[in-house]
Amino acid sequence: MALLGLFSLSVAADDLQDVLARGELRHLGVFYANFVTAAGDGFDVEIVRGFARHLGVRYRLVDSDFPAVMRDLLGREIVHSGDQVTLAGDYPIRGDLIAAGFTILPWRERVVLYSEPTFPSQVLLVGPADSPVMPIRGSARLADDIARTKALIAGQSLLVMLKTCLDPANYGLTGLGLDLRPYTRSSNLNEMVPALLAGGADLTLLDLPDVVIDLQKWAGRIKVIGPISAEQKMAAAFRPSGRALRDAFNDYLRQIKADGSFGLLVKRYYPGVLDYFPEFLAAR
């Protein structure tokens, strides 16, 4: 929190009044798992576009990628090890908020303000359907299920993507002598399953929204082995100087949850998510 407070003094204010004065809301998006699509729509696009209408300003989607998106928001390079975060450099600020299936992680909370949760998630271990690694039998204790799932990685190669929610360091998978294979061809998380099926590794990590889509897209070709993390939350992220903009977004989010339009977006873009989190739309 001290780091966040100091950082808020070092960047130019770009809060709600600045967005209103500019007449445009700049949405930093990343093509990923129906949150932002190459067609220019998606779950988060619909929400942020609606928020721009609510504010009475223009909407603009600004393309980014996961390694760069926080830099594009903050104007600083983020370097982290565990929960330790440092800021470096001076870069152009390209957007006013991040909304791209952006997982709430402790180290990220040190430098950005999150909105109220917009989507549930969980990191899962996934393999090809013909993998000899068999899915675990779930128990009443998620912690036990996670431990049993992690134990299955030993002796297998694991496809990961650094500096994202699939970074193995987030889940205690580094320094264990595991065969970790970072995917470096691009920063597009949508490429993880194709790379897995092309023989890039024996297993991979995916988060729940991607799994929901990929189990349909690659039906019969992949399987879920078990959980790697506890339940996570995704949310929009704002600069520390964007508290008023974040609060206005939260107000809008509560409004569309109450009137049912949020639920329609969930069912449109992620109909399978309710099989994993049936209480999701009931939670307000």
C-alpha atoms as a PDB file:
ATOM      1  CA  MET A   1       0.000   0.000   0.000  1.00  0.00           C
ATOM      2  CA  ALA A   2       2.884   2.346   0.697  1.00  0.00           C
ATOM      3  CA  LEU A   3       4.227   1.683  -2.794  1.00  0.00           C
ATOM      4  CA  LEU A   4       0.829   2.361  -4.305  1.00  0.00           C
ATOM      5  CA  GLY A   5       0.504   5.603  -2.353  1.00  0.00           C
ATOM      6  CA  LEU A   6       3.927   6.837  -3.438  1.00  0.00           C
ATOM      7  CA  PHE A   7       3.240   5.861  -7.027  1.00  0.00           C
ATOM      8  CA  SER A   8       0.002   7.822  -7.093  1.00  0.00           C
ATOM      9  CA  LEU A   9       2.021  10.984  -6.451  1.00  0.00           C
ATOM     10  CA  SER A  10       4.375  10.311  -9.336  1.00  0.00           C
ATOM     11  CA  VAL A  11       1.977  10.015 -12.260  1.00  0.00           C
ATOM     12  CA  ALA A  12      -0.149  12.616 -13.970  1.00  0.00           C
ATOM     13  CA  ALA A  13      -3.737  12.502 -12.743  1.00  0.00           C
ATOM     14  CA  ASP A  14      -6.104  10.986 -15.300  1.00  0.00           C
ATOM     15  CA  ASP A  15      -9.253  10.471 -13.306  1.00  0.00           C
ATOM     16  CA  LEU A  16     -12.949  10.671 -14.064  1.00  0.00           C
ATOM     17  CA  GLN A  17     -12.944  14.425 -14.686  1.00  0.00           C
ATOM     18  CA  ASP A  18     -10.077  14.069 -17.168  1.00  0.00           C
ATOM     19  CA  VAL A  19     -11.923  11.345 -19.094  1.00  0.00           C
ATOM     20  CA  LEU A  20     -15.032  13.526 -19.195  1.00  0.00           C
ATOM     21  CA  ALA A  21     -13.029  16.528 -20.354  1.00  0.00           C
ATOM     22  CA  ARG A  22     -11.320  14.480 -23.074  1.00  0.00           C
ATOM     23  CA  GLY A  23     -14.637  12.992 -24.129  1.00  0.00           C
ATOM     24  CA  GLU A  24     -13.130   9.563 -24.597  1.00  0.00           C
ATOM     25  CA  LEU A  25     -12.557   6.452 -22.492  1.00  0.00           C
ATOM     26  CA  ARG A  26      -9.523   4.442 -23.567  1.00  0.00           C
ATOM     27  CA  HIS A  27      -9.933   0.728 -22.885  1.00  0.00           C
ATOM     28  CA  LEU A  28      -6.682  -1.254 -22.738  1.00  0.00           C
ATOM     29  CA  GLY A  29      -7.621  -4.681 -24.031  1.00  0.00           C
ATOM     30  CA  VAL A  30      -5.824  -7.924 -24.843  1.00  0.00           C
ATOM     31  CA  PHE A  31      -7.213 -10.500 -27.284  1.00  0.00           C
ATOM     32  CA  TYR A  32      -8.084 -13.320 -24.920  1.00  0.00           C
ATOM     33  CA  ALA A  33     -10.764 -15.927 -24.210  1.00  0.00           C
ATOM     34  CA  ASN A  34     -13.818 -13.943 -25.387  1.00  0.00           C
ATOM     35  CA  PHE A  35     -12.999 -11.018 -23.083  1.00  0.00           C
ATOM     36  CA  VAL A  36     -11.641  -9.082 -26.062  1.00  0.00           C
ATOM     37  CA  THR A  37     -11.852 -10.624 -29.535  1.00  0.00           C
ATOM     38  CA  ALA A  38     -10.175  -9.824 -32.828  1.00  0.00           C
ATOM     39  CA  ALA A  39     -13.614  -8.832 -34.120  1.00  0.00           C
ATOM     40  CA  GLY A  40     -13.675  -5.936 -31.662  1.00  0.00           C
ATOM     41  CA  ASP A  41     -16.311  -7.364 -29.339  1.00  0.00           C
ATOM     42  CA  GLY A  42     -16.179  -9.554 -26.232  1.00  0.00           C
ATOM     43  CA  PHE A  43     -17.366  -9.684 -22.640  1.00  0.00           C
ATOM     44  CA  ASP A  44     -15.115  -6.892 -21.347  1.00  0.00           C
ATOM     45  CA  VAL A  45     -15.542  -4.831 -24.512  1.00  0.00           C
ATOM     46  CA  GLU A  46     -19.314  -4.866 -24.035  1.00  0.00           C
ATOM     47  CA  ILE A  47     -18.999  -3.841 -20.389  1.00  0.00           C
ATOM     48  CA  VAL A  48     -16.525  -1.006 -20.959  1.00  0.00           C
ATOM     49  CA  ARG A  49     -18.343   0.250 -24.057  1.00  0.00           C
ATOM     50  CA  GLY A  50     -21.517   0.390 -21.994  1.00  0.00           C
ATOM     51  CA  PHE A  51     -19.632   2.221 -19.251  1.00  0.00           C
ATOM     52  CA  ALA A  52     -18.448   4.809 -21.796  1.00  0.00           C
ATOM     53  CA  ARG A  53     -22.054   5.339 -22.913  1.00  0.00           C
ATOM     54  CA  HIS A  54     -23.041   5.663 -19.273  1.00  0.00           C
ATOM     55  CA  LEU A  55     -20.430   8.425 -18.856  1.00  0.00           C
ATOM     56  CA  GLY A  56     -21.482  10.082 -22.112  1.00  0.00           C
ATOM     57  CA  VAL A  57     -18.048   9.764 -23.747  1.00  0.00           C
ATOM     58  CA  ARG A  58     -16.611   7.994 -26.783  1.00  0.00           C
ATOM     59  CA  TYR A  59     -15.255   4.480 -26.427  1.00  0.00           C
ATOM     60  CA  ARG A  60     -11.856   3.494 -27.844  1.00  0.00           C
ATOM     61  CA  LEU A  61     -10.292   0.049 -27.668  1.00  0.00           C
ATOM     62  CA  VAL A  62      -6.493   0.228 -27.376  1.00  0.00           C
ATOM     63  CA  ASP A  63      -4.789  -3.058 -28.262  1.00  0.00           C
ATOM     64  CA  SER A  64      -2.106  -4.269 -25.871  1.00  0.00           C
ATOM     65  CA  ASP A  65      -0.698  -7.574 -24.627  1.00  0.00           C
ATOM     66  CA  PHE A  66      -0.235  -9.037 -21.164  1.00  0.00           C
ATOM     67  CA  PRO A  67       3.497  -8.248 -20.789  1.00  0.00           C
ATOM     68  CA  ALA A  68       2.907  -4.589 -21.734  1.00  0.00           C
ATOM     69  CA  VAL A  69      -0.598  -3.790 -20.550  1.00  0.00           C
ATOM     70  CA  MET A  70       0.318  -2.573 -17.046  1.00  0.00           C
ATOM     71  CA  ARG A  71       3.055  -0.406 -18.513  1.00  0.00           C
ATOM     72  CA  ASP A  72       0.483   1.009 -20.936  1.00  0.00           C
ATOM     73  CA  LEU A  73      -1.753   1.895 -17.992  1.00  0.00           C
ATOM     74  CA  LEU A  74       0.851   3.181 -15.530  1.00  0.00           C
ATOM     75  CA  GLY A  75       3.553   4.597 -17.773  1.00  0.00           C
ATOM     76  CA  ARG A  76       6.131   2.567 -15.814  1.00  0.00           C
ATOM     77  CA  GLU A  77       7.685  -0.833 -16.333  1.00  0.00           C
ATOM     78  CA  ILE A  78       6.655  -3.305 -13.637  1.00  0.00           C
ATOM     79  CA  VAL A  79       9.327  -5.662 -12.322  1.00  0.00           C
ATOM     80  CA  HIS A  80       8.223  -8.177  -9.721  1.00  0.00           C
ATOM     81  CA  SER A  81       9.610 -11.143  -7.870  1.00  0.00           C
ATOM     82  CA  GLY A  82       6.998 -12.852  -5.745  1.00  0.00           C
ATOM     83  CA  ASP A  83       5.070 -10.028  -4.091  1.00  0.00           C
ATOM     84  CA  GLN A  84       7.996  -7.592  -4.390  1.00  0.00           C
ATOM     85  CA  VAL A  85       7.350  -4.931  -7.022  1.00  0.00           C
ATOM     86  CA  THR A  86       9.552  -2.181  -8.414  1.00  0.00           C
ATOM     87  CA  LEU A  87       8.778   0.465 -11.016  1.00  0.00           C
ATOM     88  CA  ALA A  88      11.179   1.530 -13.735  1.00  0.00           C
ATOM     89  CA  GLY A  89      11.375   3.728 -16.803  1.00  0.00           C
ATOM     90  CA  ASP A  90       9.037   6.324 -18.222  1.00  0.00           C
ATOM     91  CA  TYR A  91       6.621   5.286 -20.967  1.00  0.00           C
ATOM     92  CA  PRO A  92       3.540   6.740 -22.678  1.00  0.00           C
ATOM     93  CA  ILE A  93       0.261   6.173 -20.865  1.00  0.00           C
ATOM     94  CA  ARG A  94      -2.015   4.641 -23.491  1.00  0.00           C
ATOM     95  CA  GLY A  95      -5.250   3.909 -21.658  1.00  0.00           C
ATOM     96  CA  ASP A  96      -7.504   4.630 -18.706  1.00  0.00           C
ATOM     97  CA  LEU A  97      -8.350   1.110 -17.547  1.00  0.00           C
ATOM     98  CA  ILE A  98      -7.452  -2.510 -18.199  1.00  0.00           C
ATOM     99  CA  ALA A  99     -10.294  -4.942 -18.819  1.00  0.00           C
ATOM    100  CA  ALA A 100      -9.188  -8.181 -20.446  1.00  0.00           C
ATOM    101  CA  GLY A 101      -9.863 -11.088 -18.122  1.00  0.00           C
ATOM    102  CA  PHE A 102      -7.348  -9.448 -15.790  1.00  0.00           C
ATOM    103  CA  THR A 103      -6.826 -11.640 -12.729  1.00  0.00           C
ATOM    104  CA  ILE A 104      -6.515 -10.077  -9.286  1.00  0.00           C
ATOM    105  CA  LEU A 105      -3.056 -11.087  -8.059  1.00  0.00           C
ATOM    106  CA  PRO A 106      -1.387  -9.840  -4.837  1.00  0.00           C
ATOM    107  CA  TRP A 107       1.589  -8.284  -6.608  1.00  0.00           C
ATOM    108  CA  ARG A 108      -0.685  -6.449  -9.051  1.00  0.00           C
ATOM    109  CA  GLU A 109      -2.714  -5.051  -6.169  1.00  0.00           C
ATOM    110  CA  ARG A 110       0.401  -3.221  -5.026  1.00  0.00           C
ATOM    111  CA  VAL A 111       0.374  -0.941  -8.070  1.00  0.00           C
ATOM    112  CA  VAL A 112      -3.183  -0.773  -9.464  1.00  0.00           C
ATOM    113  CA  LEU A 113      -6.690  -0.190  -8.160  1.00  0.00           C
ATOM    114  CA  TYR A 114      -9.088  -3.005  -8.971  1.00  0.00           C
ATOM    115  CA  SER A 115     -12.803  -2.721  -9.536  1.00  0.00           C
ATOM    116  CA  GLU A 116     -15.273  -5.054  -7.918  1.00  0.00           C
ATOM    117  CA  PRO A 117     -14.915  -8.545  -9.428  1.00  0.00           C
ATOM    118  CA  THR A 118     -16.270  -9.027 -12.926  1.00  0.00           C
ATOM    119  CA  PHE A 119     -15.608 -12.743 -13.421  1.00  0.00           C
ATOM    120  CA  PRO A 120     -14.594 -15.849 -11.454  1.00  0.00           C
ATOM    121  CA  SER A 121     -11.514 -17.833 -12.373  1.00  0.00           C
ATOM    122  CA  GLN A 122      -9.193 -20.587 -11.256  1.00  0.00           C
ATOM    123  CA  VAL A 123      -5.966 -21.927 -12.740  1.00  0.00           C
ATOM    124  CA  LEU A 124      -6.253 -25.534 -13.847  1.00  0.00           C
ATOM    125  CA  LEU A 125      -3.838 -28.184 -15.076  1.00  0.00           C
ATOM    126  CA  VAL A 126      -4.776 -29.341 -18.568  1.00  0.00           C
ATOM    127  CA  GLY A 127      -3.420 -32.089 -20.791  1.00  0.00           C
ATOM    128  CA  PRO A 128      -4.148 -33.728 -24.139  1.00  0.00           C
ATOM    129  CA  ALA A 129      -7.030 -36.173 -23.995  1.00  0.00           C
ATOM    130  CA  ASP A 130      -4.646 -39.090 -24.568  1.00  0.00           C
ATOM    131  CA  SER A 131      -2.207 -38.041 -21.822  1.00  0.00           C
ATOM    132  CA  PRO A 132      -1.354 -40.840 -19.371  1.00  0.00           C
ATOM    133  CA  VAL A 133      -1.832 -38.295 -16.558  1.00  0.00           C
ATOM    134  CA  MET A 134      -5.357 -38.916 -15.322  1.00  0.00           C
ATOM    135  CA  PRO A 135      -7.715 -36.346 -13.771  1.00  0.00           C
ATOM    136  CA  ILE A 136      -7.819 -36.390  -9.996  1.00  0.00           C
ATOM    137  CA  ARG A 137     -10.958 -37.354  -8.121  1.00  0.00           C
ATOM    138  CA  GLY A 138     -12.181 -34.225  -6.412  1.00  0.00           C
ATOM    139  CA  SER A 139     -12.548 -34.155  -2.654  1.00  0.00           C
ATOM    140  CA  ALA A 140     -14.168 -31.911  -0.081  1.00  0.00           C
ATOM    141  CA  ARG A 141     -10.855 -30.097   0.497  1.00  0.00           C
ATOM    142  CA  LEU A 142      -9.673 -27.906  -2.344  1.00  0.00           C
ATOM    143  CA  ALA A 143      -6.211 -27.582  -0.763  1.00  0.00           C
ATOM    144  CA  ASP A 144      -5.790 -31.360  -0.955  1.00  0.00           C
ATOM    145  CA  ASP A 145      -6.968 -31.394  -4.573  1.00  0.00           C
ATOM    146  CA  ILE A 146      -4.432 -28.690  -5.463  1.00  0.00           C
ATOM    147  CA  ALA A 147      -1.601 -30.605  -3.772  1.00  0.00           C
ATOM    148  CA  ARG A 148      -2.516 -33.822  -5.573  1.00  0.00           C
ATOM    149  CA  THR A 149      -2.746 -32.005  -8.918  1.00  0.00           C
ATOM    150  CA  LYS A 150       0.646 -30.322  -8.470  1.00  0.00           C
ATOM    151  CA  ALA A 151       2.218 -33.679  -7.588  1.00  0.00           C
ATOM    152  CA  LEU A 152       1.204 -35.015 -11.012  1.00  0.00           C
ATOM    153  CA  ILE A 153       3.446 -32.462 -12.764  1.00  0.00           C
ATOM    154  CA  ALA A 154       6.622 -34.219 -11.601  1.00  0.00           C
ATOM    155  CA  GLY A 155       8.167 -36.082 -14.524  1.00  0.00           C
ATOM    156  CA  GLN A 156       6.090 -34.126 -17.037  1.00  0.00           C
ATOM    157  CA  SER A 157       6.941 -31.010 -19.049  1.00  0.00           C
ATOM    158  CA  LEU A 158       4.734 -28.008 -18.346  1.00  0.00           C
ATOM    159  CA  LEU A 159       3.931 -25.258 -20.840  1.00  0.00           C
ATOM    160  CA  VAL A 160       3.644 -21.878 -19.091  1.00  0.00           C
ATOM    161  CA  MET A 161       3.547 -18.188 -19.951  1.00  0.00           C
ATOM    162  CA  LEU A 162       5.587 -15.839 -17.806  1.00  0.00           C
ATOM    163  CA  LYS A 163       4.321 -12.453 -16.579  1.00  0.00           C
ATOM    164  CA  THR A 164       0.684 -13.526 -16.865  1.00  0.00           C
ATOM    165  CA  CYS A 165      -1.829 -15.236 -14.598  1.00  0.00           C
ATOM    166  CA  LEU A 166      -0.275 -18.501 -15.857  1.00  0.00           C
ATOM    167  CA  ASP A 167       3.181 -17.678 -14.524  1.00  0.00           C
ATOM    168  CA  PRO A 168       4.257 -20.735 -12.486  1.00  0.00           C
ATOM    169  CA  ALA A 169       5.839 -18.447  -9.867  1.00  0.00           C
ATOM    170  CA  ASN A 170       2.319 -17.387  -8.847  1.00  0.00           C
ATOM    171  CA  TYR A 171       1.536 -20.935  -7.722  1.00  0.00           C
ATOM    172  CA  GLY A 172       4.725 -22.166  -6.070  1.00  0.00           C
ATOM    173  CA  LEU A 173       5.860 -24.152  -9.098  1.00  0.00           C
ATOM    174  CA  THR A 174       9.315 -22.628  -9.528  1.00  0.00           C
ATOM    175  CA  GLY A 175      12.506 -23.816  -7.853  1.00  0.00           C
ATOM    176  CA  LEU A 176      11.231 -27.384  -7.667  1.00  0.00           C
ATOM    177  CA  GLY A 177      13.221 -28.841 -10.542  1.00  0.00           C
ATOM    178  CA  LEU A 178      10.137 -29.101 -12.747  1.00  0.00           C
ATOM    179  CA  ASP A 179      10.486 -29.099 -16.536  1.00  0.00           C
ATOM    180  CA  LEU A 180       8.918 -25.678 -17.135  1.00  0.00           C
ATOM    181  CA  ARG A 181       8.692 -24.607 -20.766  1.00  0.00           C
ATOM    182  CA  PRO A 182       7.810 -20.931 -21.213  1.00  0.00           C
ATOM    183  CA  TYR A 183       5.812 -20.184 -24.348  1.00  0.00           C
ATOM    184  CA  THR A 184       7.632 -17.336 -26.078  1.00  0.00           C
ATOM    185  CA  ARG A 185       6.312 -17.314 -29.648  1.00  0.00           C
ATOM    186  CA  SER A 186       3.811 -14.648 -28.629  1.00  0.00           C
ATOM    187  CA  SER A 187       2.043 -13.320 -25.529  1.00  0.00           C
ATOM    188  CA  ASN A 188      -1.346 -14.546 -26.745  1.00  0.00           C
ATOM    189  CA  LEU A 189      -2.810 -16.926 -24.172  1.00  0.00           C
ATOM    190  CA  ASN A 190      -5.197 -18.245 -26.834  1.00  0.00           C
ATOM    191  CA  GLU A 191      -2.201 -20.064 -28.349  1.00  0.00           C
ATOM    192  CA  MET A 192      -1.517 -22.255 -25.318  1.00  0.00           C
ATOM    193  CA  VAL A 193      -3.764 -25.178 -26.276  1.00  0.00           C
ATOM    194  CA  PRO A 194      -2.639 -25.283 -29.928  1.00  0.00           C
ATOM    195  CA  ALA A 195       0.976 -25.248 -28.711  1.00  0.00           C
ATOM    196  CA  LEU A 196       0.210 -28.048 -26.243  1.00  0.00           C
ATOM    197  CA  LEU A 197      -1.426 -30.179 -28.922  1.00  0.00           C
ATOM    198  CA  ALA A 198       1.487 -29.524 -31.283  1.00  0.00           C
ATOM    199  CA  GLY A 199       3.797 -31.166 -28.747  1.00  0.00           C
ATOM    200  CA  GLY A 200       5.104 -28.085 -26.983  1.00  0.00           C
ATOM    201  CA  ALA A 201       4.853 -29.873 -23.622  1.00  0.00           C
ATOM    202  CA  ASP A 202       3.045 -32.704 -21.863  1.00  0.00           C
ATOM    203  CA  LEU A 203       0.744 -30.451 -19.816  1.00  0.00           C
ATOM    204  CA  THR A 204      -0.146 -26.781 -19.521  1.00  0.00           C
ATOM    205  CA  LEU A 205      -1.775 -24.279 -17.201  1.00  0.00           C
ATOM    206  CA  LEU A 206      -5.004 -22.548 -18.222  1.00  0.00           C
ATOM    207  CA  ASP A 207      -7.431 -20.366 -16.361  1.00  0.00           C
ATOM    208  CA  LEU A 208     -11.093 -21.207 -16.140  1.00  0.00           C
ATOM    209  CA  PRO A 209     -12.525 -18.825 -18.781  1.00  0.00           C
ATOM    210  CA  ASP A 210     -10.081 -20.220 -21.340  1.00  0.00           C
ATOM    211  CA  VAL A 211     -10.905 -23.790 -20.294  1.00  0.00           C
ATOM    212  CA  VAL A 212     -14.629 -23.161 -20.769  1.00  0.00           C
ATOM    213  CA  ILE A 213     -14.005 -22.058 -24.353  1.00  0.00           C
ATOM    214  CA  ASP A 214     -11.266 -24.551 -25.212  1.00  0.00           C
ATOM    215  CA  LEU A 215     -13.225 -27.596 -24.035  1.00  0.00           C
ATOM    216  CA  GLN A 216     -15.751 -26.673 -26.719  1.00  0.00           C
ATOM    217  CA  LYS A 217     -13.273 -25.524 -29.364  1.00  0.00           C
ATOM    218  CA  TRP A 218     -11.018 -28.561 -28.907  1.00  0.00           C
ATOM    219  CA  ALA A 219     -13.751 -31.028 -27.941  1.00  0.00           C
ATOM    220  CA  GLY A 220     -12.363 -34.505 -27.302  1.00  0.00           C
ATOM    221  CA  ARG A 221      -8.743 -33.348 -27.599  1.00  0.00           C
ATOM    222  CA  ILE A 222      -7.995 -31.935 -24.129  1.00  0.00           C
ATOM    223  CA  LYS A 223      -8.927 -32.783 -20.561  1.00  0.00           C
ATOM    224  CA  VAL A 224      -8.772 -31.051 -17.186  1.00  0.00           C
ATOM    225  CA  ILE A 225      -6.454 -32.808 -14.729  1.00  0.00           C
ATOM    226  CA  GLY A 226      -7.242 -30.754 -11.622  1.00  0.00           C
ATOM    227  CA  PRO A 227      -6.900 -27.378  -9.877  1.00  0.00           C
ATOM    228  CA  ILE A 228      -3.633 -25.495  -9.432  1.00  0.00           C
ATOM    229  CA  SER A 229      -5.071 -22.504  -7.565  1.00  0.00           C
ATOM    230  CA  ALA A 230      -7.929 -21.600  -5.308  1.00  0.00           C
ATOM    231  CA  GLU A 231     -10.790 -19.656  -6.838  1.00  0.00           C
ATOM    232  CA  GLN A 232      -9.603 -16.340  -8.240  1.00  0.00           C
ATOM    233  CA  LYS A 233     -11.378 -13.191  -9.347  1.00  0.00           C
ATOM    234  CA  MET A 234     -10.968 -11.052 -12.429  1.00  0.00           C
ATOM    235  CA  ALA A 235     -11.635  -7.323 -12.479  1.00  0.00           C
ATOM    236  CA  ALA A 236     -10.910  -4.082 -14.284  1.00  0.00           C
ATOM    237  CA  ALA A 237      -7.724  -2.289 -13.213  1.00  0.00           C
ATOM    238  CA  PHE A 238      -7.137   1.467 -12.840  1.00  0.00           C
ATOM    239  CA  ARG A 239      -4.231   3.733 -11.991  1.00  0.00           C
ATOM    240  CA  PRO A 240      -3.883   4.758  -8.339  1.00  0.00           C
ATOM    241  CA  SER A 241      -4.900   8.239  -9.503  1.00  0.00           C
ATOM    242  CA  GLY A 242      -8.090   6.786 -10.988  1.00  0.00           C
ATOM    243  CA  ARG A 243     -10.088   6.208  -7.833  1.00  0.00           C
ATOM    244  CA  ALA A 244     -13.079   8.278  -8.958  1.00  0.00           C
ATOM    245  CA  LEU A 245     -13.123   6.539 -12.338  1.00  0.00           C
ATOM    246  CA  ARG A 246     -12.922   3.151 -10.601  1.00  0.00           C
ATOM    247  CA  ASP A 247     -15.766   4.077  -8.274  1.00  0.00           C
ATOM    248  CA  ALA A 248     -17.921   5.192 -11.211  1.00  0.00           C
ATOM    249  CA  PHE A 249     -17.178   1.881 -12.931  1.00  0.00           C
ATOM    250  CA  ASN A 250     -18.223  -0.012  -9.805  1.00  0.00           C
ATOM    251  CA  ASP A 251     -21.500   1.924  -9.727  1.00  0.00           C
ATOM    252  CA  TYR A 252     -22.132   1.021 -13.361  1.00  0.00           C
ATOM    253  CA  LEU A 253     -21.229  -2.629 -12.714  1.00  0.00           C
ATOM    254  CA  ARG A 254     -23.749  -2.852  -9.869  1.00  0.00           C
ATOM    255  CA  GLN A 255     -26.375  -1.308 -12.132  1.00  0.00           C
ATOM    256  CA  ILE A 256     -25.977  -3.828 -14.961  1.00  0.00           C
ATOM    257  CA  LYS A 257     -25.874  -6.716 -12.492  1.00  0.00           C
ATOM    258  CA  ALA A 258     -29.129  -5.510 -10.974  1.00  0.00           C
ATOM    259  CA  ASP A 259     -30.942  -5.010 -14.294  1.00  0.00           C
ATOM    260  CA  GLY A 260     -29.894  -8.399 -15.692  1.00  0.00           C
ATOM    261  CA  SER A 261     -27.824  -7.177 -18.637  1.00  0.00           C
ATOM    262  CA  PHE A 262     -24.591  -8.415 -17.010  1.00  0.00           C
ATOM    263  CA  GLY A 263     -26.038 -11.922 -16.717  1.00  0.00           C
ATOM    264  CA  LEU A 264     -26.993 -11.878 -20.390  1.00  0.00           C
ATOM    265  CA  LEU A 265     -23.390 -11.082 -21.301  1.00  0.00           C
ATOM    266  CA  VAL A 266     -22.133 -13.986 -19.169  1.00  0.00           C
ATOM    267  CA  LYS A 267     -24.513 -16.405 -20.852  1.00  0.00           C
ATOM    268  CA  ARG A 268     -23.628 -15.054 -24.289  1.00  0.00           C
ATOM    269  CA  TYR A 269     -19.852 -15.280 -23.992  1.00  0.00           C
ATOM    270  CA  TYR A 270     -19.346 -17.976 -21.312  1.00  0.00           C
ATOM    271  CA  PRO A 271     -22.383 -20.261 -21.078  1.00  0.00           C
ATOM    272  CA  GLY A 272     -20.267 -23.064 -19.585  1.00  0.00           C
ATOM    273  CA  VAL A 273     -18.936 -21.050 -16.646  1.00  0.00           C
ATOM    274  CA  LEU A 274     -22.066 -21.707 -14.596  1.00  0.00           C
ATOM    275  CA  ASP A 275     -21.207 -25.421 -14.610  1.00  0.00           C
ATOM    276  CA  TYR A 276     -18.089 -24.531 -12.586  1.00  0.00           C
ATOM    277  CA  PHE A 277     -19.432 -21.597 -10.555  1.00  0.00           C
ATOM    278  CA  PRO A 278     -23.232 -21.978 -10.431  1.00  0.00           C
ATOM    279  CA  GLU A 279     -23.415 -19.276  -7.751  1.00  0.00           C
ATOM    280  CA  PHE A 280     -21.653 -16.686  -9.929  1.00  0.00           C
ATOM    281  CA  LEU A 281     -24.703 -14.769 -11.139  1.00  0.00           C
ATOM    282  CA  ALA A 282     -26.410 -15.098  -7.770  1.00  0.00           C
ATOM    283  CA  ALA A 283     -23.499 -13.242  -6.111  1.00  0.00           C
ATOM    284  CA  ARG A 284     -23.928  -9.489  -6.220  1.00  0.00           C
END
